[in-house]
Amino acid sequence: IRYCSQDAWFQVKEVDIGLAADVGTLQR
């Protein structure tokens, strides 16, 4: 279950550091 506050923000950042996300984001 995922909740957040109004000031929350999310960023799949990995491409900005030269790699593909490799610990679950791309799969889930």
PDB file of all heavy atoms in Angstrom:
ATOM      1  N   ILE A   1       0.861  -1.175   0.000  1.00  0.00           N
ATOM      2  CA  ILE A   1       0.000   0.000   0.000  1.00  0.00           C
ATOM      3  C   ILE A   1       0.893   1.220   0.000  1.00  0.00           C
ATOM      4  O   ILE A   1       1.864   1.291   0.768  1.00  0.00           O
ATOM      5  CB  ILE A   1      -0.931   0.020   1.238  1.00  0.00           C
ATOM      6  CG1 ILE A   1      -1.839  -1.213   1.245  1.00  0.00           C
ATOM      7  CG2 ILE A   1      -1.757   1.299   1.280  1.00  0.00           C
ATOM      8  CD1 ILE A   1      -2.648  -1.369   2.530  1.00  0.00           C
ATOM      9  N   ARG A   2       0.576   2.199  -0.855  1.00  0.00           N
ATOM     10  CA  ARG A   2       1.407   3.400  -0.976  1.00  0.00           C
ATOM     11  C   ARG A   2       0.560   4.642  -0.730  1.00  0.00           C
ATOM     12  O   ARG A   2      -0.434   4.864  -1.432  1.00  0.00           O
ATOM     13  CB  ARG A   2       2.052   3.464  -2.376  1.00  0.00           C
ATOM     14  CG  ARG A   2       3.137   2.427  -2.601  1.00  0.00           C
ATOM     15  CD  ARG A   2       3.535   2.316  -4.073  1.00  0.00           C
ATOM     16  NE  ARG A   2       2.421   1.824  -4.864  1.00  0.00           N
ATOM     17  CZ  ARG A   2       2.101   0.527  -4.975  1.00  0.00           C
ATOM     18  NH1 ARG A   2       2.844  -0.383  -4.380  1.00  0.00           N
ATOM     19  NH2 ARG A   2       1.061   0.148  -5.694  1.00  0.00           N
ATOM     20  N   TYR A   3       0.963   5.446   0.255  1.00  0.00           N
ATOM     21  CA  TYR A   3       0.358   6.746   0.525  1.00  0.00           C
ATOM     22  C   TYR A   3       1.440   7.811   0.374  1.00  0.00           C
ATOM     23  O   TYR A   3       2.637   7.516   0.474  1.00  0.00           O
ATOM     24  CB  TYR A   3      -0.198   6.826   1.950  1.00  0.00           C
ATOM     25  CG  TYR A   3      -1.306   5.861   2.288  1.00  0.00           C
ATOM     26  CD1 TYR A   3      -1.518   5.462   3.605  1.00  0.00           C
ATOM     27  CD2 TYR A   3      -2.177   5.364   1.315  1.00  0.00           C
ATOM     28  CE1 TYR A   3      -2.535   4.593   3.946  1.00  0.00           C
ATOM     29  CE2 TYR A   3      -3.195   4.488   1.648  1.00  0.00           C
ATOM     30  CZ  TYR A   3      -3.373   4.104   2.974  1.00  0.00           C
ATOM     31  OH  TYR A   3      -4.383   3.238   3.310  1.00  0.00           O
ATOM     32  N   CYS A   4       1.023   9.069   0.191  1.00  0.00           N
ATOM     33  CA  CYS A   4       2.005  10.147   0.160  1.00  0.00           C
ATOM     34  C   CYS A   4       1.393  11.438   0.685  1.00  0.00           C
ATOM     35  O   CYS A   4       0.165  11.551   0.831  1.00  0.00           O
ATOM     36  CB  CYS A   4       2.586  10.347  -1.237  1.00  0.00           C
ATOM     37  SG  CYS A   4       1.486  11.187  -2.411  1.00  0.00           S
ATOM     38  N   SER A   5       2.226  12.420   0.960  1.00  0.00           N
ATOM     39  CA  SER A   5       1.785  13.753   1.353  1.00  0.00           C
ATOM     40  C   SER A   5       1.704  14.638   0.110  1.00  0.00           C
ATOM     41  O   SER A   5       2.215  14.286  -0.959  1.00  0.00           O
ATOM     42  CB  SER A   5       2.751  14.353   2.380  1.00  0.00           C
ATOM     43  OG  SER A   5       4.059  14.407   1.834  1.00  0.00           O
ATOM     44  N   GLN A   6       1.085  15.795   0.256  1.00  0.00           N
ATOM     45  CA  GLN A   6       0.897  16.691  -0.890  1.00  0.00           C
ATOM     46  C   GLN A   6       2.216  17.179  -1.475  1.00  0.00           C
ATOM     47  O   GLN A   6       2.276  17.531  -2.654  1.00  0.00           O
ATOM     48  CB  GLN A   6       0.029  17.892  -0.478  1.00  0.00           C
ATOM     49  CG  GLN A   6      -1.434  17.543  -0.295  1.00  0.00           C
ATOM     50  CD  GLN A   6      -2.272  18.744   0.090  1.00  0.00           C
ATOM     51  OE1 GLN A   6      -1.758  19.791   0.461  1.00  0.00           O
ATOM     52  NE2 GLN A   6      -3.591  18.596   0.019  1.00  0.00           N
ATOM     53  N   ASP A   7       3.265  17.230  -0.644  1.00  0.00           N
ATOM     54  CA  ASP A   7       4.551  17.731  -1.133  1.00  0.00           C
ATOM     55  C   ASP A   7       5.424  16.637  -1.733  1.00  0.00           C
ATOM     56  O   ASP A   7       6.563  16.884  -2.123  1.00  0.00           O
ATOM     57  CB  ASP A   7       5.316  18.439  -0.006  1.00  0.00           C
ATOM     58  CG  ASP A   7       5.770  17.476   1.087  1.00  0.00           C
ATOM     59  OD1 ASP A   7       5.261  16.333   1.146  1.00  0.00           O
ATOM     60  OD2 ASP A   7       6.648  17.857   1.894  1.00  0.00           O
ATOM     61  N   ALA A   8       4.898  15.425  -1.834  1.00  0.00           N
ATOM     62  CA  ALA A   8       5.698  14.311  -2.354  1.00  0.00           C
ATOM     63  C   ALA A   8       5.870  14.419  -3.865  1.00  0.00           C
ATOM     64  O   ALA A   8       4.990  14.912  -4.578  1.00  0.00           O
ATOM     65  CB  ALA A   8       5.043  12.980  -2.005  1.00  0.00           C
ATOM     66  N   TRP A   9       7.011  13.956  -4.337  1.00  0.00           N
ATOM     67  CA  TRP A   9       7.234  13.805  -5.775  1.00  0.00           C
ATOM     68  C   TRP A   9       8.125  12.603  -6.022  1.00  0.00           C
ATOM     69  O   TRP A   9       8.883  12.182  -5.156  1.00  0.00           O
ATOM     70  CB  TRP A   9       7.812  15.068  -6.410  1.00  0.00           C
ATOM     71  CG  TRP A   9       9.055  15.632  -5.783  1.00  0.00           C
ATOM     72  CD1 TRP A   9       9.128  16.505  -4.735  1.00  0.00           C
ATOM     73  CD2 TRP A   9      10.406  15.383  -6.184  1.00  0.00           C
ATOM     74  NE1 TRP A   9      10.437  16.813  -4.448  1.00  0.00           N
ATOM     75  CE2 TRP A   9      11.247  16.152  -5.328  1.00  0.00           C
ATOM     76  CE3 TRP A   9      10.992  14.609  -7.178  1.00  0.00           C
ATOM     77  CZ2 TRP A   9      12.644  16.139  -5.425  1.00  0.00           C
ATOM     78  CZ3 TRP A   9      12.383  14.591  -7.282  1.00  0.00           C
ATOM     79  CH2 TRP A   9      13.189  15.355  -6.417  1.00  0.00           C
ATOM     80  N   PHE A  10       7.976  12.043  -7.209  1.00  0.00           N
ATOM     81  CA  PHE A  10       8.599  10.771  -7.540  1.00  0.00           C
ATOM     82  C   PHE A  10       9.401  10.927  -8.827  1.00  0.00           C
ATOM     83  O   PHE A  10       8.958  11.601  -9.763  1.00  0.00           O
ATOM     84  CB  PHE A  10       7.525   9.695  -7.710  1.00  0.00           C
ATOM     85  CG  PHE A  10       6.594   9.585  -6.540  1.00  0.00           C
ATOM     86  CD1 PHE A  10       5.493  10.439  -6.416  1.00  0.00           C
ATOM     87  CD2 PHE A  10       6.809   8.660  -5.539  1.00  0.00           C
ATOM     88  CE1 PHE A  10       4.634  10.354  -5.340  1.00  0.00           C
ATOM     89  CE2 PHE A  10       5.961   8.568  -4.453  1.00  0.00           C
ATOM     90  CZ  PHE A  10       4.868   9.419  -4.348  1.00  0.00           C
ATOM     91  N   GLN A  11      10.561  10.270  -8.880  1.00  0.00           N
ATOM     92  CA  GLN A  11      11.408  10.405 -10.058  1.00  0.00           C
ATOM     93  C   GLN A  11      12.186   9.117 -10.312  1.00  0.00           C
ATOM     94  O   GLN A  11      12.959   8.672  -9.459  1.00  0.00           O
ATOM     95  CB  GLN A  11      12.380  11.576  -9.872  1.00  0.00           C
ATOM     96  CG  GLN A  11      13.193  11.921 -11.111  1.00  0.00           C
ATOM     97  CD  GLN A  11      14.058  13.162 -10.911  1.00  0.00           C
ATOM     98  OE1 GLN A  11      14.411  13.511  -9.772  1.00  0.00           O
ATOM     99  NE2 GLN A  11      14.405  13.825 -11.992  1.00  0.00           N
ATOM    100  N   VAL A  12      11.946   8.517 -11.470  1.00  0.00           N
ATOM    101  CA  VAL A  12      12.745   7.366 -11.911  1.00  0.00           C
ATOM    102  C   VAL A  12      14.017   7.968 -12.511  1.00  0.00           C
ATOM    103  O   VAL A  12      14.093   8.257 -13.703  1.00  0.00           O
ATOM    104  CB  VAL A  12      11.968   6.506 -12.932  1.00  0.00           C
ATOM    105  CG1 VAL A  12      12.787   5.265 -13.300  1.00  0.00           C
ATOM    106  CG2 VAL A  12      10.616   6.108 -12.375  1.00  0.00           C
ATOM    107  N   LYS A  13      15.034   8.116 -11.699  1.00  0.00           N
ATOM    108  CA  LYS A  13      16.178   8.980 -11.980  1.00  0.00           C
ATOM    109  C   LYS A  13      17.301   8.294 -12.760  1.00  0.00           C
ATOM    110  O   LYS A  13      18.210   8.950 -13.274  1.00  0.00           O
ATOM    111  CB  LYS A  13      16.715   9.507 -10.643  1.00  0.00           C
ATOM    112  CG  LYS A  13      17.870  10.470 -10.706  1.00  0.00           C
ATOM    113  CD  LYS A  13      17.469  11.829 -11.225  1.00  0.00           C
ATOM    114  CE  LYS A  13      18.614  12.828 -11.079  1.00  0.00           C
ATOM    115  NZ  LYS A  13      18.283  14.124 -11.711  1.00  0.00           N
ATOM    116  N   GLU A  14      17.258   6.982 -12.869  1.00  0.00           N
ATOM    117  CA  GLU A  14      18.438   6.228 -13.281  1.00  0.00           C
ATOM    118  C   GLU A  14      19.024   6.635 -14.633  1.00  0.00           C
ATOM    119  O   GLU A  14      20.245   6.654 -14.803  1.00  0.00           O
ATOM    120  CB  GLU A  14      18.118   4.726 -13.275  1.00  0.00           C
ATOM    121  CG  GLU A  14      18.086   4.096 -11.885  1.00  0.00           C
ATOM    122  CD  GLU A  14      16.805   4.337 -11.116  1.00  0.00           C
ATOM    123  OE1 GLU A  14      15.923   5.061 -11.627  1.00  0.00           O
ATOM    124  OE2 GLU A  14      16.665   3.801  -9.999  1.00  0.00           O
ATOM    125  N   VAL A  15      18.178   6.971 -15.621  1.00  0.00           N
ATOM    126  CA  VAL A  15      18.749   7.323 -16.931  1.00  0.00           C
ATOM    127  C   VAL A  15      19.620   8.581 -16.849  1.00  0.00           C
ATOM    128  O   VAL A  15      20.530   8.757 -17.664  1.00  0.00           O
ATOM    129  CB  VAL A  15      17.668   7.513 -18.010  1.00  0.00           C
ATOM    130  CG1 VAL A  15      16.975   6.205 -18.321  1.00  0.00           C
ATOM    131  CG2 VAL A  15      16.672   8.595 -17.621  1.00  0.00           C
ATOM    132  N   ASP A  16      19.345   9.433 -15.864  1.00  0.00           N
ATOM    133  CA  ASP A  16      20.152  10.643 -15.709  1.00  0.00           C
ATOM    134  C   ASP A  16      21.552  10.358 -15.192  1.00  0.00           C
ATOM    135  O   ASP A  16      22.431  11.225 -15.262  1.00  0.00           O
ATOM    136  CB  ASP A  16      19.459  11.623 -14.753  1.00  0.00           C
ATOM    137  CG  ASP A  16      18.373  12.443 -15.444  1.00  0.00           C
ATOM    138  OD1 ASP A  16      18.229  12.302 -16.670  1.00  0.00           O
ATOM    139  OD2 ASP A  16      17.674  13.209 -14.752  1.00  0.00           O
ATOM    140  N   ILE A  17      21.759   9.164 -14.650  1.00  0.00           N
ATOM    141  CA  ILE A  17      23.111   8.803 -14.200  1.00  0.00           C
ATOM    142  C   ILE A  17      23.685   7.657 -15.044  1.00  0.00           C
ATOM    143  O   ILE A  17      24.613   6.966 -14.629  1.00  0.00           O
ATOM    144  CB  ILE A  17      23.143   8.449 -12.698  1.00  0.00           C
ATOM    145  CG1 ILE A  17      22.171   7.308 -12.357  1.00  0.00           C
ATOM    146  CG2 ILE A  17      22.830   9.677 -11.857  1.00  0.00           C
ATOM    147  CD1 ILE A  17      22.278   6.835 -10.909  1.00  0.00           C
ATOM    148  N   GLY A  18      23.089   7.451 -16.220  1.00  0.00           N
ATOM    149  CA  GLY A  18      23.691   6.563 -17.191  1.00  0.00           C
ATOM    150  C   GLY A  18      23.399   5.089 -17.047  1.00  0.00           C
ATOM    151  O   GLY A  18      24.170   4.255 -17.522  1.00  0.00           O
ATOM    152  N   LEU A  19      22.280   4.738 -16.425  1.00  0.00           N
ATOM    153  CA  LEU A  19      21.957   3.313 -16.306  1.00  0.00           C
ATOM    154  C   LEU A  19      20.457   3.102 -16.361  1.00  0.00           C
ATOM    155  O   LEU A  19      19.674   4.042 -16.203  1.00  0.00           O
ATOM    156  CB  LEU A  19      22.537   2.722 -15.018  1.00  0.00           C
ATOM    157  CG  LEU A  19      22.132   3.363 -13.681  1.00  0.00           C
ATOM    158  CD1 LEU A  19      20.914   2.666 -13.096  1.00  0.00           C
ATOM    159  CD2 LEU A  19      23.273   3.287 -12.674  1.00  0.00           C
ATOM    160  N   ALA A  20      20.060   1.870 -16.589  1.00  0.00           N
ATOM    161  CA  ALA A  20      18.649   1.492 -16.537  1.00  0.00           C
ATOM    162  C   ALA A  20      18.330   1.039 -15.115  1.00  0.00           C
ATOM    163  O   ALA A  20      19.137   0.346 -14.485  1.00  0.00           O
ATOM    164  CB  ALA A  20      18.369   0.356 -17.519  1.00  0.00           C
ATOM    165  N   ALA A  21      17.187   1.452 -14.605  1.00  0.00           N
ATOM    166  CA  ALA A  21      16.775   1.043 -13.255  1.00  0.00           C
ATOM    167  C   ALA A  21      16.798  -0.482 -13.163  1.00  0.00           C
ATOM    168  O   ALA A  21      16.185  -1.156 -13.993  1.00  0.00           O
ATOM    169  CB  ALA A  21      15.388   1.588 -12.955  1.00  0.00           C
ATOM    170  N   ASP A  22      17.491  -1.010 -12.153  1.00  0.00           N
ATOM    171  CA  ASP A  22      17.726  -2.456 -12.153  1.00  0.00           C
ATOM    172  C   ASP A  22      17.341  -3.172 -10.864  1.00  0.00           C
ATOM    173  O   ASP A  22      17.700  -4.327 -10.666  1.00  0.00           O
ATOM    174  CB  ASP A  22      19.199  -2.754 -12.480  1.00  0.00           C
ATOM    175  CG  ASP A  22      20.175  -2.083 -11.520  1.00  0.00           C
ATOM    176  OD1 ASP A  22      19.724  -1.408 -10.578  1.00  0.00           O
ATOM    177  OD2 ASP A  22      21.405  -2.224 -11.725  1.00  0.00           O
ATOM    178  N   VAL A  23      16.593  -2.505  -9.973  1.00  0.00           N
ATOM    179  CA  VAL A  23      16.215  -3.205  -8.736  1.00  0.00           C
ATOM    180  C   VAL A  23      14.706  -3.240  -8.520  1.00  0.00           C
ATOM    181  O   VAL A  23      14.243  -3.370  -7.394  1.00  0.00           O
ATOM    182  CB  VAL A  23      16.944  -2.627  -7.496  1.00  0.00           C
ATOM    183  CG1 VAL A  23      18.414  -2.980  -7.531  1.00  0.00           C
ATOM    184  CG2 VAL A  23      16.758  -1.126  -7.379  1.00  0.00           C
ATOM    185  N   GLY A  24      13.919  -3.119  -9.600  1.00  0.00           N
ATOM    186  CA  GLY A  24      12.494  -3.408  -9.477  1.00  0.00           C
ATOM    187  C   GLY A  24      11.518  -2.466 -10.144  1.00  0.00           C
ATOM    188  O   GLY A  24      10.397  -2.869 -10.463  1.00  0.00           O
ATOM    189  N   THR A  25      11.888  -1.198 -10.368  1.00  0.00           N
ATOM    190  CA  THR A  25      10.919  -0.258 -10.934  1.00  0.00           C
ATOM    191  C   THR A  25      10.409  -0.705 -12.299  1.00  0.00           C
ATOM    192  O   THR A  25       9.194  -0.688 -12.554  1.00  0.00           O
ATOM    193  CB  THR A  25      11.541   1.147 -11.050  1.00  0.00           C
ATOM    194  OG1 THR A  25      11.727   1.676  -9.737  1.00  0.00           O
ATOM    195  CG2 THR A  25      10.632   2.086 -11.825  1.00  0.00           C
ATOM    196  N   LEU A  26      11.295  -1.083 -13.188  1.00  0.00           N
ATOM    197  CA  LEU A  26      10.882  -1.420 -14.554  1.00  0.00           C
ATOM    198  C   LEU A  26      10.033  -2.687 -14.589  1.00  0.00           C
ATOM    199  O   LEU A  26       9.250  -2.894 -15.537  1.00  0.00           O
ATOM    200  CB  LEU A  26      12.105  -1.587 -15.456  1.00  0.00           C
ATOM    201  CG  LEU A  26      13.047  -0.380 -15.556  1.00  0.00           C
ATOM    202  CD1 LEU A  26      14.131  -0.641 -16.599  1.00  0.00           C
ATOM    203  CD2 LEU A  26      12.282   0.897 -15.891  1.00  0.00           C
ATOM    204  N   GLN A  27      10.163  -3.531 -13.581  1.00  0.00           N
ATOM    205  CA  GLN A  27       9.407  -4.773 -13.525  1.00  0.00           C
ATOM    206  C   GLN A  27       8.063  -4.595 -12.802  1.00  0.00           C
ATOM    207  O   GLN A  27       7.059  -5.193 -13.199  1.00  0.00           O
ATOM    208  CB  GLN A  27      10.233  -5.860 -12.812  1.00  0.00           C
ATOM    209  CG  GLN A  27      11.470  -6.300 -13.566  1.00  0.00           C
ATOM    210  CD  GLN A  27      12.564  -5.239 -13.605  1.00  0.00           C
ATOM    211  OE1 GLN A  27      12.779  -4.511 -12.636  1.00  0.00           O
ATOM    212  NE2 GLN A  27      13.248  -5.144 -14.734  1.00  0.00           N
ATOM    213  N   ARG A  28       8.029  -3.769 -11.755  1.00  0.00           N
ATOM    214  CA  ARG A  28       6.813  -3.660 -10.932  1.00  0.00           C
ATOM    215  C   ARG A  28       5.932  -2.472 -11.301  1.00  0.00           C
ATOM    216  O   ARG A  28       4.700  -2.572 -11.226  1.00  0.00           O
ATOM    217  CB  ARG A  28       7.199  -3.575  -9.447  1.00  0.00           C
ATOM    218  CG  ARG A  28       7.883  -4.833  -8.923  1.00  0.00           C
ATOM    219  CD  ARG A  28       8.107  -4.779  -7.424  1.00  0.00           C
ATOM    220  NE  ARG A  28       8.674  -6.043  -6.928  1.00  0.00           N
ATOM    221  CZ  ARG A  28       9.959  -6.210  -6.616  1.00  0.00           C
ATOM    222  NH1 ARG A  28      10.805  -5.191  -6.724  1.00  0.00           N
ATOM    223  NH2 ARG A  28      10.396  -7.381  -6.186  1.00  0.00           N
TER     224      ARG A  28
END
